[in-house]
Protein backbone atom coordinates (compact mmCIF):
# COMPACT_ATOMS: atom_id res chain seq x y z
CA UNK A 1 20.85 -19.42 -1.10
CA UNK A 2 19.34 -15.97 -1.65
CA UNK A 3 21.29 -13.03 -0.25
CA UNK A 4 19.64 -10.72 2.31
CA UNK A 5 17.75 -7.56 1.49
CA UNK A 6 17.59 -4.51 3.74
CA UNK A 7 14.14 -3.21 4.67
CA UNK A 8 13.83 0.35 5.99
CA UNK A 9 11.01 0.40 8.54
CA UNK A 10 8.62 -2.45 9.32
CA UNK A 11 5.54 -0.36 8.68
CA UNK A 12 2.30 -0.28 10.63
CA UNK A 13 -0.17 -3.05 11.42
CA UNK A 14 -3.14 -0.79 10.63
CA UNK A 15 -1.99 -0.57 7.01
CA UNK A 16 -1.47 -4.35 6.87
CA UNK A 17 2.27 -4.25 6.19
CA UNK A 18 2.61 -7.76 7.59
CA UNK A 19 1.60 -9.29 4.24
CA UNK A 20 4.43 -7.91 2.06
CA UNK A 21 6.98 -8.63 4.81
CA UNK A 22 5.85 -12.24 4.95
CA UNK A 23 6.09 -12.55 1.18
CA UNK A 24 9.52 -10.91 0.95
CA UNK A 25 10.91 -12.99 3.81
CA UNK A 26 9.90 -16.12 1.92
CA UNK A 27 12.14 -15.02 -0.95
CA UNK A 28 15.13 -13.40 0.81
CA UNK A 29 16.45 -13.08 4.35
CA UNK A 30 15.44 -9.67 5.69
CA UNK A 31 17.62 -7.21 7.63
CA UNK A 32 15.28 -4.67 9.20
CA UNK A 33 16.35 -1.10 9.94
CA UNK A 34 14.03 0.02 12.72
CA UNK A 35 14.56 1.39 16.24
CA UNK A 36 12.24 -1.21 17.78
CA UNK A 37 10.89 -3.99 15.55
CA UNK A 38 7.22 -4.74 16.28
CA UNK A 39 6.43 -8.21 17.59
CA UNK A 40 4.59 -9.22 14.41
CA UNK A 41 7.69 -8.52 12.30
CA UNK A 42 10.33 -10.31 14.37
CA UNK A 43 9.62 -13.91 13.20
CA UNK A 44 10.37 -12.83 9.62
CA UNK A 45 13.76 -11.19 10.25
CA UNK A 46 17.29 -12.50 9.76
CA UNK A 47 18.86 -9.47 11.51
CA UNK A 48 17.99 -6.07 12.92
CA UNK A 49 19.78 -2.72 12.88
CA UNK A 50 18.50 -0.55 15.75
CA UNK A 51 18.50 2.82 14.02
CA UNK A 52 15.71 5.14 12.86
CA UNK A 53 15.50 5.05 9.02
CA UNK A 54 14.03 8.57 9.13
CA UNK A 55 17.48 9.78 10.27
CA UNK A 56 18.88 9.63 6.77
CA UNK A 57 22.60 10.06 7.35
CA UNK A 58 22.70 7.90 10.49
CA UNK A 59 20.67 5.08 8.95
CA UNK A 60 22.74 5.12 5.76
CA UNK A 61 25.99 4.84 7.69
CA UNK A 62 24.59 1.96 9.76
CA UNK A 63 23.59 0.02 6.65
CA UNK A 64 26.90 0.74 4.93
CA UNK A 65 28.78 -0.50 8.00
CA UNK A 66 26.66 -3.67 8.00
CA UNK A 67 27.23 -4.16 4.26
CA UNK A 68 30.99 -3.96 4.78
CA UNK A 69 30.88 -7.35 6.47
CA UNK A 70 27.68 -8.91 5.14
CA UNK A 71 26.18 -9.34 1.67
CA UNK A 72 23.28 -7.04 0.75
CA UNK A 73 21.34 -7.87 -2.41
CA UNK A 74 18.98 -4.90 -2.38
CA UNK A 75 17.20 -2.22 -0.36
CA UNK A 76 13.45 -1.85 0.08
CA UNK A 77 10.99 0.40 1.87
CA UNK A 78 7.25 0.93 1.74
CA UNK A 79 7.31 4.28 3.51
CA UNK A 80 7.54 7.61 1.69
CA UNK A 81 9.41 8.97 4.70
CA UNK A 82 12.28 6.55 4.03
CA UNK A 83 12.58 6.88 0.25
CA UNK A 84 15.49 9.34 0.38
CA UNK A 85 17.36 7.13 2.86
CA UNK A 86 16.91 4.14 0.57
CA UNK A 87 18.13 6.13 -2.43
CA UNK A 88 21.20 7.33 -0.55
CA UNK A 89 22.08 3.73 0.44
CA UNK A 90 21.54 2.21 -3.01
CA UNK A 91 23.58 5.00 -4.57
CA UNK A 92 26.48 4.36 -2.22
CA UNK A 93 26.33 0.57 -2.64
CA UNK A 94 25.77 0.62 -6.40
CA UNK A 95 22.48 -1.27 -6.10
CA UNK A 96 19.34 -0.76 -8.21
CA UNK A 97 17.07 1.95 -6.85
CA UNK A 98 15.52 5.36 -7.35
CA UNK A 99 17.69 8.37 -8.13
CA UNK A 100 18.00 10.50 -5.02
CA UNK A 101 16.22 13.47 -6.60
CA UNK A 102 13.23 11.34 -7.59
CA UNK A 103 13.01 9.78 -4.14
CA UNK A 104 13.18 13.17 -2.42
CA UNK A 105 10.47 14.62 -4.68
CA UNK A 106 8.07 11.73 -4.08
CA UNK A 107 8.56 12.07 -0.32
CA UNK A 108 7.59 15.76 -0.37
CA UNK A 109 3.97 16.53 -1.46
CA UNK A 110 4.84 20.13 -2.34
CA UNK A 111 7.84 19.13 -4.44
CA UNK A 112 5.80 16.38 -6.11
CA UNK A 113 3.03 18.81 -7.02
CA UNK A 114 5.52 21.32 -8.42
CA UNK A 115 7.27 18.67 -10.50
CA UNK A 116 4.00 17.41 -11.96
CA UNK A 117 2.95 20.95 -12.85
CA UNK A 118 6.34 21.64 -14.43
CA UNK A 119 5.78 18.69 -16.76
CA UNK A 120 2.21 19.83 -17.52
CA UNK A 121 0.64 16.75 -15.96
CA UNK A 122 -3.00 17.02 -14.82
CA UNK A 123 -2.56 17.05 -11.05
CA UNK A 124 -4.70 17.66 -7.96
CA UNK A 125 -6.31 21.09 -7.91
CA UNK A 126 -6.28 21.39 -11.69
CA UNK A 127 -9.32 19.35 -12.61
CA UNK A 128 -13.06 19.24 -12.15
CA UNK A 129 -14.90 20.95 -9.28
CA UNK A 130 -15.46 18.83 -6.18
CA UNK A 131 -19.23 18.39 -6.90
CA UNK A 132 -18.47 16.27 -10.14
CA UNK A 133 -15.55 13.92 -9.25
CA UNK A 134 -15.28 10.49 -10.85
CA UNK A 135 -13.84 7.22 -9.53
CA UNK A 136 -10.76 7.17 -7.33
CA UNK A 137 -8.35 4.63 -8.81
CA UNK A 138 -4.73 3.66 -8.33
CA UNK A 139 -2.54 2.22 -11.05
CA UNK A 140 -0.31 -0.53 -9.68
CA UNK A 141 2.64 -0.20 -12.03
CA UNK A 142 5.99 -1.89 -12.41
CA UNK A 143 8.70 0.32 -13.90
CA UNK A 144 11.13 -1.67 -16.02
CA UNK A 145 14.12 -0.36 -17.98
CA UNK A 146 12.12 0.59 -21.04
CA UNK A 147 8.49 0.03 -20.07
CA UNK A 148 5.88 1.07 -17.54
CA UNK A 149 3.67 -1.98 -17.01
CA UNK A 150 0.30 -1.39 -15.34
CA UNK A 151 -0.45 -4.79 -13.80
CA UNK A 152 -3.71 -3.84 -12.04
CA UNK A 153 -6.03 -1.01 -11.06
CA UNK A 154 -7.28 -0.55 -7.52
CA UNK A 155 -10.61 1.20 -7.04
CA UNK A 156 -10.93 2.87 -3.64
CA UNK A 157 -14.07 3.90 -1.79
CA UNK A 158 -13.10 6.76 0.55
CA UNK A 159 -14.93 7.85 3.66
CA UNK A 160 -16.32 11.36 4.22
CA UNK A 161 -14.08 14.43 4.45
CA UNK A 162 -11.91 15.67 5.98
CA UNK A 163 -10.10 12.40 6.80
CA UNK A 164 -11.30 10.47 3.72
CA UNK A 165 -10.14 7.20 5.33
CA UNK A 166 -10.30 4.30 2.87
CA UNK A 167 -13.38 2.14 3.41
CA UNK A 168 -12.73 -0.38 0.65
CA UNK A 169 -10.25 -1.32 -2.06
CA UNK A 170 -11.18 -3.53 -5.01
CA UNK A 171 -9.06 -5.03 -7.80
CA UNK A 172 -10.75 -6.49 -10.89
CA UNK A 173 -8.55 -8.32 -13.37
CA UNK A 174 -10.83 -7.11 -16.19
CA UNK A 175 -11.38 -3.54 -15.03
CA UNK A 176 -12.49 -1.55 -18.06
CA UNK A 177 -10.21 1.36 -17.17
CA UNK A 178 -7.20 -0.84 -17.90
CA UNK A 179 -7.93 -0.09 -21.56
CA UNK A 180 -8.34 3.67 -21.08
CA UNK A 181 -5.58 5.22 -23.16
CA UNK A 182 -5.76 8.53 -21.30
CA UNK A 183 -5.19 6.81 -17.97
CA UNK A 184 -2.31 4.74 -19.33
CA UNK A 185 -0.71 7.77 -20.94
CA UNK A 186 -1.07 9.79 -17.74
CA UNK A 187 0.61 7.07 -15.67
CA UNK A 188 3.45 6.64 -18.14
CA UNK A 189 4.07 10.40 -18.38
CA UNK A 190 4.02 10.70 -14.59
CA UNK A 191 6.57 7.94 -14.13
CA UNK A 192 8.88 9.46 -16.75
CA UNK A 193 8.49 12.98 -15.39
CA UNK A 194 9.51 11.85 -11.91
CA UNK A 195 12.44 9.81 -13.18
CA UNK A 196 11.25 6.58 -11.58
CA UNK A 197 13.26 3.45 -12.39
CA UNK A 198 13.50 -0.12 -11.10
CA UNK A 199 10.50 0.15 -8.81
CA UNK A 200 6.88 -0.66 -8.28
CA UNK A 201 4.72 2.47 -8.21
CA UNK A 202 1.30 3.21 -6.78
CA UNK A 203 -0.12 6.12 -8.82
CA UNK A 204 -3.34 7.54 -7.36
CA UNK A 205 -5.69 9.14 -9.87
CA UNK A 206 -9.06 10.82 -9.86
CA UNK A 207 -11.04 10.21 -13.04
CA UNK A 208 -12.89 13.33 -14.22
CA UNK A 209 -14.74 14.54 -17.30
CA UNK A 210 -11.46 16.10 -18.45
CA UNK A 211 -9.53 12.88 -17.94
CA UNK A 212 -7.41 11.52 -15.09
CA UNK A 213 -5.82 13.79 -12.47
CA UNK A 214 -2.78 12.68 -10.49
CA UNK A 215 -3.36 12.89 -6.73
CA UNK A 216 -0.31 11.07 -5.41
CA UNK A 217 2.63 8.91 -6.47
CA UNK A 218 4.17 6.31 -4.15
CA UNK A 219 7.20 4.60 -5.78
CA UNK A 220 7.04 1.65 -3.40
CA UNK A 221 4.72 -1.18 -2.43
CA UNK A 222 1.30 0.13 -1.38
CA UNK A 223 -0.24 -0.75 1.97
CA UNK A 224 -3.81 -1.72 2.88
CA UNK A 225 -3.32 -5.25 1.50
CA UNK A 226 -3.35 -3.98 -2.08
CA UNK A 227 -0.49 -6.36 -3.03
CA UNK A 228 -2.61 -9.24 -1.71
CA UNK A 229 -5.63 -8.08 -3.74
CA UNK A 230 -3.52 -7.86 -6.90
CA UNK A 231 -2.20 -11.37 -6.32
CA UNK A 232 -5.65 -12.83 -5.62
CA UNK A 233 -7.22 -11.12 -8.64
CA UNK A 234 -4.46 -11.48 -11.25
CA UNK A 235 -1.82 -13.83 -9.86
CA UNK A 236 0.86 -11.12 -10.19
CA UNK A 237 3.10 -10.95 -7.11
CA UNK A 238 3.81 -7.24 -6.50
CA UNK A 239 5.96 -7.93 -3.44
CA UNK A 240 8.00 -10.44 -5.42
CA UNK A 241 8.31 -7.90 -8.25
CA UNK A 242 9.60 -5.28 -5.81
CA UNK A 243 12.26 -7.70 -4.56
CA UNK A 244 13.29 -8.66 -8.08
CA UNK A 245 13.70 -5.02 -9.12
CA UNK A 246 15.63 -4.16 -5.95
CA UNK A 247 18.05 -7.01 -6.58
CA UNK A 248 18.58 -6.33 -10.27
CA UNK A 249 16.39 -9.07 -11.70
CA UNK A 250 13.49 -8.92 -14.15
CA UNK A 251 10.19 -9.72 -12.39
CA UNK A 252 7.66 -12.23 -13.64
CA UNK A 253 4.52 -10.21 -14.36
CA UNK A 254 2.53 -12.92 -16.12
CA UNK A 255 -1.12 -12.87 -14.98
CA UNK A 256 -2.42 -16.30 -13.99
CA UNK A 257 -5.86 -15.40 -12.59
CA UNK A 258 -8.89 -13.45 -13.78
CA UNK A 259 -10.92 -12.69 -10.68
CA UNK A 260 -12.01 -9.88 -8.36
CA UNK A 261 -10.60 -9.31 -4.89
CA UNK A 262 -11.55 -6.68 -2.32
CA UNK A 263 -10.81 -5.62 1.24
CA UNK A 264 -13.30 -3.88 3.53
CA UNK A 265 -12.26 -1.90 6.63
CA UNK A 266 -14.60 -1.52 9.61
CA UNK A 267 -14.54 1.75 11.54
CA UNK A 268 -16.41 2.71 14.71
CA UNK A 269 -19.79 4.32 14.17
CA UNK A 270 -19.24 6.74 17.04
CA UNK A 271 -16.32 8.24 18.91
CA UNK A 272 -15.63 6.84 22.35
CA UNK A 273 -14.16 3.81 24.10
CA UNK A 274 -14.35 0.40 22.45
CA UNK A 275 -15.94 -1.98 24.97
CA UNK A 276 -16.68 -5.04 22.82
CA UNK A 277 -15.25 -6.44 19.59
CA UNK A 278 -16.19 -9.93 18.46
CA UNK A 279 -15.82 -11.93 15.26
CA UNK A 280 -18.13 -14.91 14.74
CA UNK A 281 -15.95 -17.96 13.90
CA UNK A 282 -18.54 -18.92 11.28
CA UNK A 283 -16.96 -16.26 9.04
CA UNK A 284 -14.10 -18.67 8.32
CA UNK A 285 -16.52 -20.99 6.53
CA UNK A 286 -17.75 -18.42 4.03
CA UNK A 287 -16.60 -19.66 0.59
CA UNK A 288 -15.58 -16.17 -0.51
CA UNK A 289 -13.61 -15.32 2.64
CA UNK A 290 -9.86 -15.01 2.22
CA UNK A 291 -8.85 -13.19 5.39
CA UNK A 292 -10.82 -11.64 8.28
CA UNK A 293 -9.02 -10.13 11.26
CA UNK A 294 -9.74 -7.95 14.27
CA UNK A 295 -7.31 -5.02 14.38
CA UNK A 296 -8.27 -3.30 17.66
CA UNK A 297 -8.77 -4.27 21.30
CA UNK A 298 -11.54 -3.44 23.76
CA UNK A 299 -10.64 -0.60 26.07
CA UNK A 300 -9.00 1.54 23.40
CA UNK A 301 -10.26 5.01 22.44
CA UNK A 302 -11.58 5.16 18.88
CA UNK A 303 -12.69 7.93 16.54
CA UNK A 304 -15.57 7.72 14.12
CA UNK A 305 -15.93 9.33 10.70
CA UNK A 306 -15.38 11.91 9.40
CA UNK A 307 -12.19 12.15 11.45
CA UNK A 308 -11.35 8.44 11.62
CA UNK A 309 -7.94 7.32 10.37
CA UNK A 310 -6.38 3.95 9.66
CA UNK A 311 -5.46 3.71 13.35
CA UNK A 312 -9.20 3.56 14.20
CA UNK A 313 -9.92 0.48 12.11
CA UNK A 314 -11.64 -2.25 14.09
CA UNK A 315 -11.30 -5.07 11.59
CA UNK A 316 -10.82 -5.91 7.94
CA UNK A 317 -11.84 -8.74 5.67
CA UNK A 318 -10.75 -9.84 2.20
CA UNK A 319 -12.92 -11.70 -0.30
CA UNK A 320 -12.44 -13.09 -3.79
CA UNK A 321 -15.12 -13.70 -6.39
CA UNK A 322 -15.71 -14.11 -10.09
CA UNK A 323 -17.21 -10.66 -10.66
CA UNK A 324 -17.59 -7.30 -8.86
CA UNK A 325 -21.23 -7.87 -7.91
CA UNK A 326 -20.48 -11.17 -6.17
CA UNK A 327 -17.49 -9.55 -4.49
CA UNK A 328 -19.62 -6.71 -3.08
CA UNK A 329 -22.23 -9.19 -1.86
CA UNK A 330 -19.58 -11.24 -0.08
CA UNK A 331 -18.20 -8.14 1.66
CA UNK A 332 -21.66 -7.29 3.00
CA UNK A 333 -22.27 -10.89 4.06
CA UNK A 334 -19.05 -11.07 6.06
CA UNK A 335 -19.79 -7.75 7.77
CA UNK A 336 -22.66 -9.47 9.59
CA UNK A 337 -20.13 -11.60 11.49
CA UNK A 338 -18.60 -8.57 13.22
CA UNK A 339 -19.98 -7.13 16.47
CA UNK A 340 -18.59 -3.95 18.03
CA UNK A 341 -19.78 -1.74 20.85
CA UNK A 342 -18.48 1.74 21.58
CA UNK A 343 -19.19 3.64 24.79
CA UNK A 344 -19.53 7.35 23.98
CA UNK A 345 -19.62 10.15 26.55
CA UNK A 346 -23.29 9.43 27.20
CA UNK A 347 -24.61 5.88 26.90
CA UNK A 348 -23.73 2.86 24.78
CA UNK A 349 -23.85 2.72 21.02
CA UNK A 350 -23.63 -0.49 19.02
CA UNK A 351 -21.32 0.03 16.06
């Protein structure tokens, strides 16, 4: 029987962290470190340590005390705020994980920027002017002992500034940028410069006329159902890979699918109070539909773009298709099944 893994923080429902938890719990018993586990996480847990993983020293001591009487095969988190805590625990227990310095740098945007500049990597603020940006992409990489394997690219459509909330993510198994040597070199250099080992990494890049610029590096599983999109498009199980690396095993990264998968997030069209939110059950019968869920409740205050955040999402839906065009068509088709009404300060507006 598989030994338990420790997870620092359950995550947030608005970033769809339920999917990786479900996948990990199917592979290993999960011991969650969280002050108050959310209801959606509890069915997937073997045990619970009621301590805040953001309190690094306190959380580390709690896990070490637990490990003194119970087996722990590995430590995971998908929150940047808990990376240093995870590194401290794995260092003390002798488990695979990030070096503490690397974890601390990735958790601090200022330190991350300074480290990238020190290694002469093209980072945010050093590229093209804002009026000529290219695609926003994320390399979903798996860092092995002697190799950085890019298993997929996620293309993101952001909303308007200043919030830039993600409207859509899309993964295409045959994305042409997978063969871009400048992108691959940039990702590999970034991983090496940060000292990342035994981890999955979500490297956010802006493509420009001068080549890729690094915007962010998250050495943990990404949210927003990106692991699900990667699995649906390529067959590669990112959550399973993260568990394998955390427990000292070599992950299976063999692609078994060649498709396109995407997730669309619905936001309110105006700021106010959500009075109606309805999903037509006919959406379940769409051949491209993979998942379609409401993520808000009537009565709640919501904020529209450009200041909307992930917490304002009303719903999301996932589709799979054979090519990007069919995928985009399916996303638009499913959007017609969603009805939302927001009551602003004056009158009613149908979102």
